Protein backbone atom coordinates (compact mmCIF):
# COMPACT_ATOMS: atom_id res chain seq x y z
CA MET A 1 -56.11 4.15 -16.87
CA ASN A 2 -58.67 2.27 -19.87
CA ASN A 3 -59.87 -0.32 -18.96
CA ASP A 4 -58.02 -2.97 -21.24
CA LYS A 5 -55.40 -1.53 -18.99
CA LYS A 6 -56.00 -2.33 -16.13
CA GLN A 7 -57.37 -5.43 -16.92
CA PRO A 8 -54.47 -6.80 -17.45
CA PHE A 9 -53.55 -5.20 -13.71
CA LEU A 10 -55.62 -6.08 -11.63
CA SER A 11 -55.92 -10.12 -13.34
CA HIS A 12 -52.14 -9.14 -12.39
CA LEU A 13 -53.39 -8.34 -8.41
CA GLU A 14 -55.44 -11.17 -7.79
CA GLU A 15 -52.50 -13.91 -9.13
CA LEU A 16 -50.01 -12.27 -6.92
CA ARG A 17 -52.88 -12.09 -4.00
CA GLU A 18 -53.09 -15.92 -4.48
CA ARG A 19 -50.20 -16.96 -4.92
CA LEU A 20 -48.85 -15.12 -1.25
CA ILE A 21 -52.22 -16.86 -0.56
CA LYS A 22 -50.88 -19.97 -0.38
CA SER A 23 -47.86 -19.38 0.47
CA PHE A 24 -48.63 -18.00 3.71
CA ILE A 25 -50.89 -20.92 4.09
CA ALA A 26 -47.66 -22.91 4.00
CA VAL A 27 -45.96 -21.67 6.24
CA GLY A 28 -48.37 -21.95 8.34
CA VAL A 29 -48.49 -25.35 8.22
CA GLY A 30 -44.16 -25.32 8.69
CA CYS A 31 -44.70 -23.24 11.15
CA VAL A 32 -47.02 -25.72 13.28
CA ILE A 33 -45.02 -27.88 13.20
CA GLY A 34 -41.99 -25.92 14.25
CA TYR A 35 -43.53 -25.77 17.61
CA ILE A 36 -44.87 -29.52 18.28
CA PHE A 37 -40.29 -29.45 17.85
CA LYS A 38 -40.37 -26.43 19.53
CA GLU A 39 -38.21 -27.71 22.00
CA GLU A 40 -35.59 -29.44 19.65
CA LEU A 41 -35.15 -26.10 17.40
CA PHE A 42 -34.60 -24.17 20.21
CA ASN A 43 -32.10 -26.38 22.17
CA LEU A 44 -30.62 -26.44 18.33
CA LEU A 45 -30.35 -22.60 17.81
CA LEU A 46 -27.93 -22.31 20.81
CA TRP A 47 -26.59 -25.18 20.09
CA PRO A 48 -22.65 -22.92 18.39
CA LEU A 49 -23.46 -20.73 21.92
CA LYS A 50 -24.09 -23.27 23.72
CA ASP A 51 -19.86 -24.65 23.37
CA LEU A 52 -18.50 -21.75 23.97
CA LEU A 53 -19.77 -20.77 27.33
CA PRO A 54 -18.18 -21.62 30.14
CA GLU A 55 -19.31 -25.15 32.11
CA GLY A 56 -22.90 -24.50 33.42
CA GLU A 57 -23.69 -21.49 32.34
CA GLY A 58 -26.92 -20.61 29.53
CA LEU A 59 -28.36 -17.58 28.04
CA ILE A 60 -30.81 -16.05 30.50
CA PHE A 61 -34.03 -13.99 29.72
CA THR A 62 -35.68 -10.42 31.94
CA GLY A 63 -39.53 -10.33 30.23
CA LEU A 64 -41.87 -13.08 31.47
CA THR A 65 -42.79 -13.23 27.53
CA GLU A 66 -39.16 -13.16 26.55
CA MET A 67 -39.08 -17.72 26.29
CA PHE A 68 -43.60 -17.45 24.70
CA PHE A 69 -42.05 -15.39 21.18
CA THR A 70 -38.57 -17.34 20.89
CA TYR A 71 -40.00 -19.88 21.05
CA LEU A 72 -43.11 -18.54 18.36
CA LYS A 73 -40.11 -17.53 15.73
CA THR A 74 -38.76 -19.69 16.28
CA ALA A 75 -41.97 -21.82 15.02
CA PHE A 76 -41.90 -18.90 12.09
CA ILE A 77 -38.06 -20.05 10.51
CA ALA A 78 -38.60 -23.36 10.13
CA GLY A 79 -41.65 -22.81 8.67
CA ILE A 80 -39.47 -20.97 6.50
CA LEU A 81 -37.11 -22.93 5.73
CA PHE A 82 -40.15 -26.06 6.19
CA ALA A 83 -42.14 -24.00 3.49
CA SER A 84 -39.31 -23.04 0.92
CA PRO A 85 -40.08 -24.84 -1.96
CA VAL A 86 -43.24 -24.30 -2.09
CA VAL A 87 -42.45 -21.26 -1.79
CA PHE A 88 -40.44 -20.45 -4.47
CA TYR A 89 -43.28 -22.52 -6.50
CA GLN A 90 -45.14 -20.03 -6.60
CA ILE A 91 -42.78 -17.27 -7.41
CA TRP A 92 -42.63 -18.50 -9.89
CA MET A 93 -45.39 -19.39 -11.03
CA PHE A 94 -46.58 -15.73 -10.74
CA ILE A 95 -43.99 -15.24 -12.74
CA ALA A 96 -44.37 -17.72 -15.24
CA PRO A 97 -47.05 -16.56 -17.94
CA GLY A 98 -44.25 -13.54 -18.31
CA LEU A 99 -41.60 -15.93 -19.53
CA TYR A 100 -41.58 -17.87 -23.07
CA GLN A 101 -42.19 -21.51 -23.15
CA HIS A 102 -38.97 -23.14 -22.96
CA GLU A 103 -38.05 -20.84 -20.78
CA LYS A 104 -41.26 -22.70 -18.46
CA ARG A 105 -39.38 -26.10 -18.73
CA TYR A 106 -37.31 -24.88 -15.94
CA ILE A 107 -39.46 -25.30 -13.51
CA ILE A 108 -38.87 -28.21 -11.34
CA PRO A 109 -34.86 -26.85 -11.64
CA PHE A 110 -36.20 -23.62 -10.19
CA VAL A 111 -37.94 -25.19 -6.76
CA PHE A 112 -34.76 -27.68 -6.60
CA PHE A 113 -31.50 -25.63 -6.81
CA SER A 114 -33.09 -22.30 -5.28
CA THR A 115 -34.88 -24.82 -1.93
CA VAL A 116 -31.29 -26.46 -1.62
CA LEU A 117 -29.15 -22.78 -1.99
CA PHE A 118 -31.56 -21.37 0.62
CA VAL A 119 -30.98 -23.78 2.97
CA GLY A 120 -27.96 -25.02 2.13
CA GLY A 121 -27.10 -20.84 3.32
CA ALA A 122 -29.28 -21.39 6.12
CA LEU A 123 -26.63 -24.53 6.90
CA PHE A 124 -23.05 -22.22 6.01
CA GLY A 125 -24.89 -19.78 8.01
CA TYR A 126 -25.38 -22.27 11.78
CA PHE A 127 -21.93 -23.86 10.75
CA ILE A 128 -19.47 -22.34 10.37
CA VAL A 129 -20.49 -18.26 10.75
CA PHE A 130 -22.57 -18.84 14.34
CA PRO A 131 -19.40 -20.65 16.04
CA MET A 132 -17.02 -17.69 14.23
CA GLY A 133 -18.93 -14.33 14.77
CA PHE A 134 -20.13 -16.22 18.95
CA LYS A 135 -16.71 -16.89 19.52
CA PHE A 136 -15.65 -13.84 18.18
CA PHE A 137 -17.95 -11.19 19.91
CA LEU A 138 -18.00 -12.93 23.58
CA GLY A 139 -14.23 -13.31 23.67
CA TYR A 140 -14.37 -9.69 25.26
CA SER A 141 -15.60 -11.60 28.34
CA ASN A 142 -12.44 -11.58 30.72
CA GLU A 143 -11.83 -11.90 34.56
CA TYR A 144 -13.53 -8.50 35.03
CA ILE A 145 -16.64 -8.93 32.34
CA GLN A 146 -19.09 -11.55 32.22
CA ALA A 147 -21.22 -11.90 28.68
CA LEU A 148 -24.61 -12.40 29.98
CA PRO A 149 -25.99 -13.63 26.51
CA SER A 150 -29.48 -12.70 26.55
CA VAL A 151 -32.61 -15.54 24.50
CA LYS A 152 -33.90 -12.86 22.78
CA LYS A 153 -31.11 -10.52 21.42
CA TYR A 154 -29.31 -14.29 20.82
CA PHE A 155 -31.68 -15.78 18.68
CA SER A 156 -32.44 -12.45 17.49
CA ILE A 157 -28.93 -12.32 15.66
CA SER A 158 -29.81 -15.68 14.58
CA TYR A 159 -32.85 -15.66 12.63
CA LYS A 160 -31.23 -12.57 11.01
CA LEU A 161 -28.29 -14.77 10.49
CA LEU A 162 -29.93 -17.78 9.04
CA LEU A 163 -32.51 -16.11 6.84
CA ALA A 164 -30.24 -13.64 5.80
CA PHE A 165 -27.15 -16.23 3.76
CA GLY A 166 -30.41 -18.40 2.56
CA ILE A 167 -31.31 -15.34 -0.13
CA VAL A 168 -27.43 -13.99 -0.36
CA PHE A 169 -26.91 -17.09 -1.78
CA GLN A 170 -30.04 -17.99 -4.38
CA LEU A 171 -26.87 -15.60 -5.99
CA PRO A 172 -26.06 -18.49 -8.87
CA LEU A 173 -29.43 -19.84 -9.56
CA LEU A 174 -30.76 -15.47 -10.15
CA ILE A 175 -27.51 -15.08 -12.51
CA PHE A 176 -27.94 -18.34 -14.02
CA PHE A 177 -31.39 -17.23 -15.27
CA MET A 178 -30.89 -13.70 -16.13
CA SER A 179 -28.12 -15.35 -18.47
CA LYS A 180 -30.77 -17.77 -19.78
CA MET A 181 -33.14 -14.48 -20.87
CA GLY A 182 -30.18 -11.96 -21.92
CA VAL A 183 -30.10 -9.28 -19.67
CA VAL A 184 -26.06 -10.95 -18.99
CA THR A 185 -22.90 -11.69 -20.51
CA VAL A 186 -19.88 -13.41 -18.84
CA ASP A 187 -17.97 -10.44 -20.23
CA PHE A 188 -20.57 -8.15 -18.88
CA LEU A 189 -20.04 -10.72 -15.45
CA ARG A 190 -16.36 -10.04 -15.55
CA ARG A 191 -16.41 -6.20 -16.65
CA ARG A 192 -18.32 -5.37 -13.42
CA ARG A 193 -15.99 -7.85 -10.85
CA PRO A 194 -14.59 -5.50 -9.29
CA PHE A 195 -17.85 -3.27 -8.22
CA ALA A 196 -19.41 -6.72 -7.74
CA VAL A 197 -16.54 -7.23 -4.71
CA LEU A 198 -17.26 -4.04 -3.56
CA ALA A 199 -21.14 -4.87 -3.16
CA ALA A 200 -20.41 -7.70 -2.04
CA PHE A 201 -19.10 -6.02 1.27
CA ILE A 202 -21.93 -3.41 1.36
CA ILE A 203 -24.29 -5.85 2.31
CA GLY A 204 -22.24 -8.19 4.26
CA ALA A 205 -22.31 -5.22 7.29
CA ILE A 206 -26.27 -3.94 6.77
CA LEU A 207 -27.06 -8.30 7.04
CA THR A 208 -24.81 -9.37 9.56
CA PRO A 209 -24.54 -7.79 13.12
CA PRO A 210 -21.98 -4.40 13.29
CA ASP A 211 -18.46 -6.38 13.81
CA ILE A 212 -15.89 -6.91 10.92
CA ILE A 213 -15.59 -10.99 11.45
CA SER A 214 -19.09 -11.04 10.25
CA GLN A 215 -19.20 -9.06 7.66
CA PHE A 216 -16.04 -10.43 6.58
CA MET A 217 -17.46 -13.78 6.01
CA MET A 218 -20.78 -13.44 4.42
CA ALA A 219 -18.30 -11.23 1.97
CA VAL A 220 -15.93 -13.87 0.94
CA PRO A 221 -19.63 -16.30 0.01
CA LEU A 222 -21.07 -13.45 -1.73
CA ILE A 223 -17.82 -13.27 -3.87
CA ILE A 224 -17.25 -16.61 -4.55
CA LEU A 225 -20.93 -17.12 -5.24
CA TYR A 226 -20.76 -14.88 -8.17
CA GLU A 227 -18.16 -16.55 -9.11
CA ILE A 228 -19.96 -19.61 -9.90
CA GLY A 229 -22.98 -17.44 -10.66
CA ILE A 230 -19.76 -16.24 -13.78
CA ILE A 231 -19.92 -20.61 -15.09
CA VAL A 232 -23.33 -20.82 -14.87
CA ALA A 233 -23.52 -17.78 -16.64
CA MET A 234 -21.49 -20.01 -18.71
CA ILE A 235 -24.36 -23.02 -18.86
CA GLY A 236 -27.06 -20.61 -19.49
CA GLY A 237 -24.70 -18.82 -22.80
CA GLY A 238 -27.82 -15.88 -22.79
CA LYS A 239 -27.88 -13.62 -25.61
CA LYS A 240 -25.92 -9.85 -25.26
CA PRO A 241 -28.15 -7.35 -23.29
CA ALA A 242 -29.67 -4.68 -25.20
CA ALA A 243 -27.64 -1.75 -23.41
CA ASP A 244 -24.40 -3.20 -21.74
């Protein structure tokens, strides 16, 4: 690699390092705030399951450090949510040098809608998927079999689902910007609809616990988000992709 090629590459690495450091600092500050309110956040995350458990029953923990690390992880998830506007801003600033001048003006809509969709996806998982999924799991209890959910297992599933739904809800925004850059068009998206449906169920199977209810509850919103993406692609009005 000659010096002319090495300099831009090193400058990109330096830029990436700077953006990552700022994102980590923002998440760290969010984690501190989250840890201050760790018990309130813990009880908030526990609510979808607590209403489904029999009166007087709760979660158990079997390791001495289990609750401590659960509080830390809860604060970390809260930190990501709190810091999401800063993180999305840093993502935009990293890719901005490669955009045309007229594309750079989308910074505020990008940060705003990325944050709204990320938090909205997490809330969808919390209010819609959690109650239905946990009710399905607890349905295996009977007079001979008693459910004793552990803190570690419950919150591990909860964290994973919150982040997964927050990420997949970015799909319409991703499609919008891809259409603006001419990577995809409405016709392209419509013709790929069957593959999108298949991909939605595959993603649902990968990102959710191994049950059909959770998979279905992620796949259906993904399909709907894809259809919304087609609508925003019409608004985006991108050019025809070079290779269709």
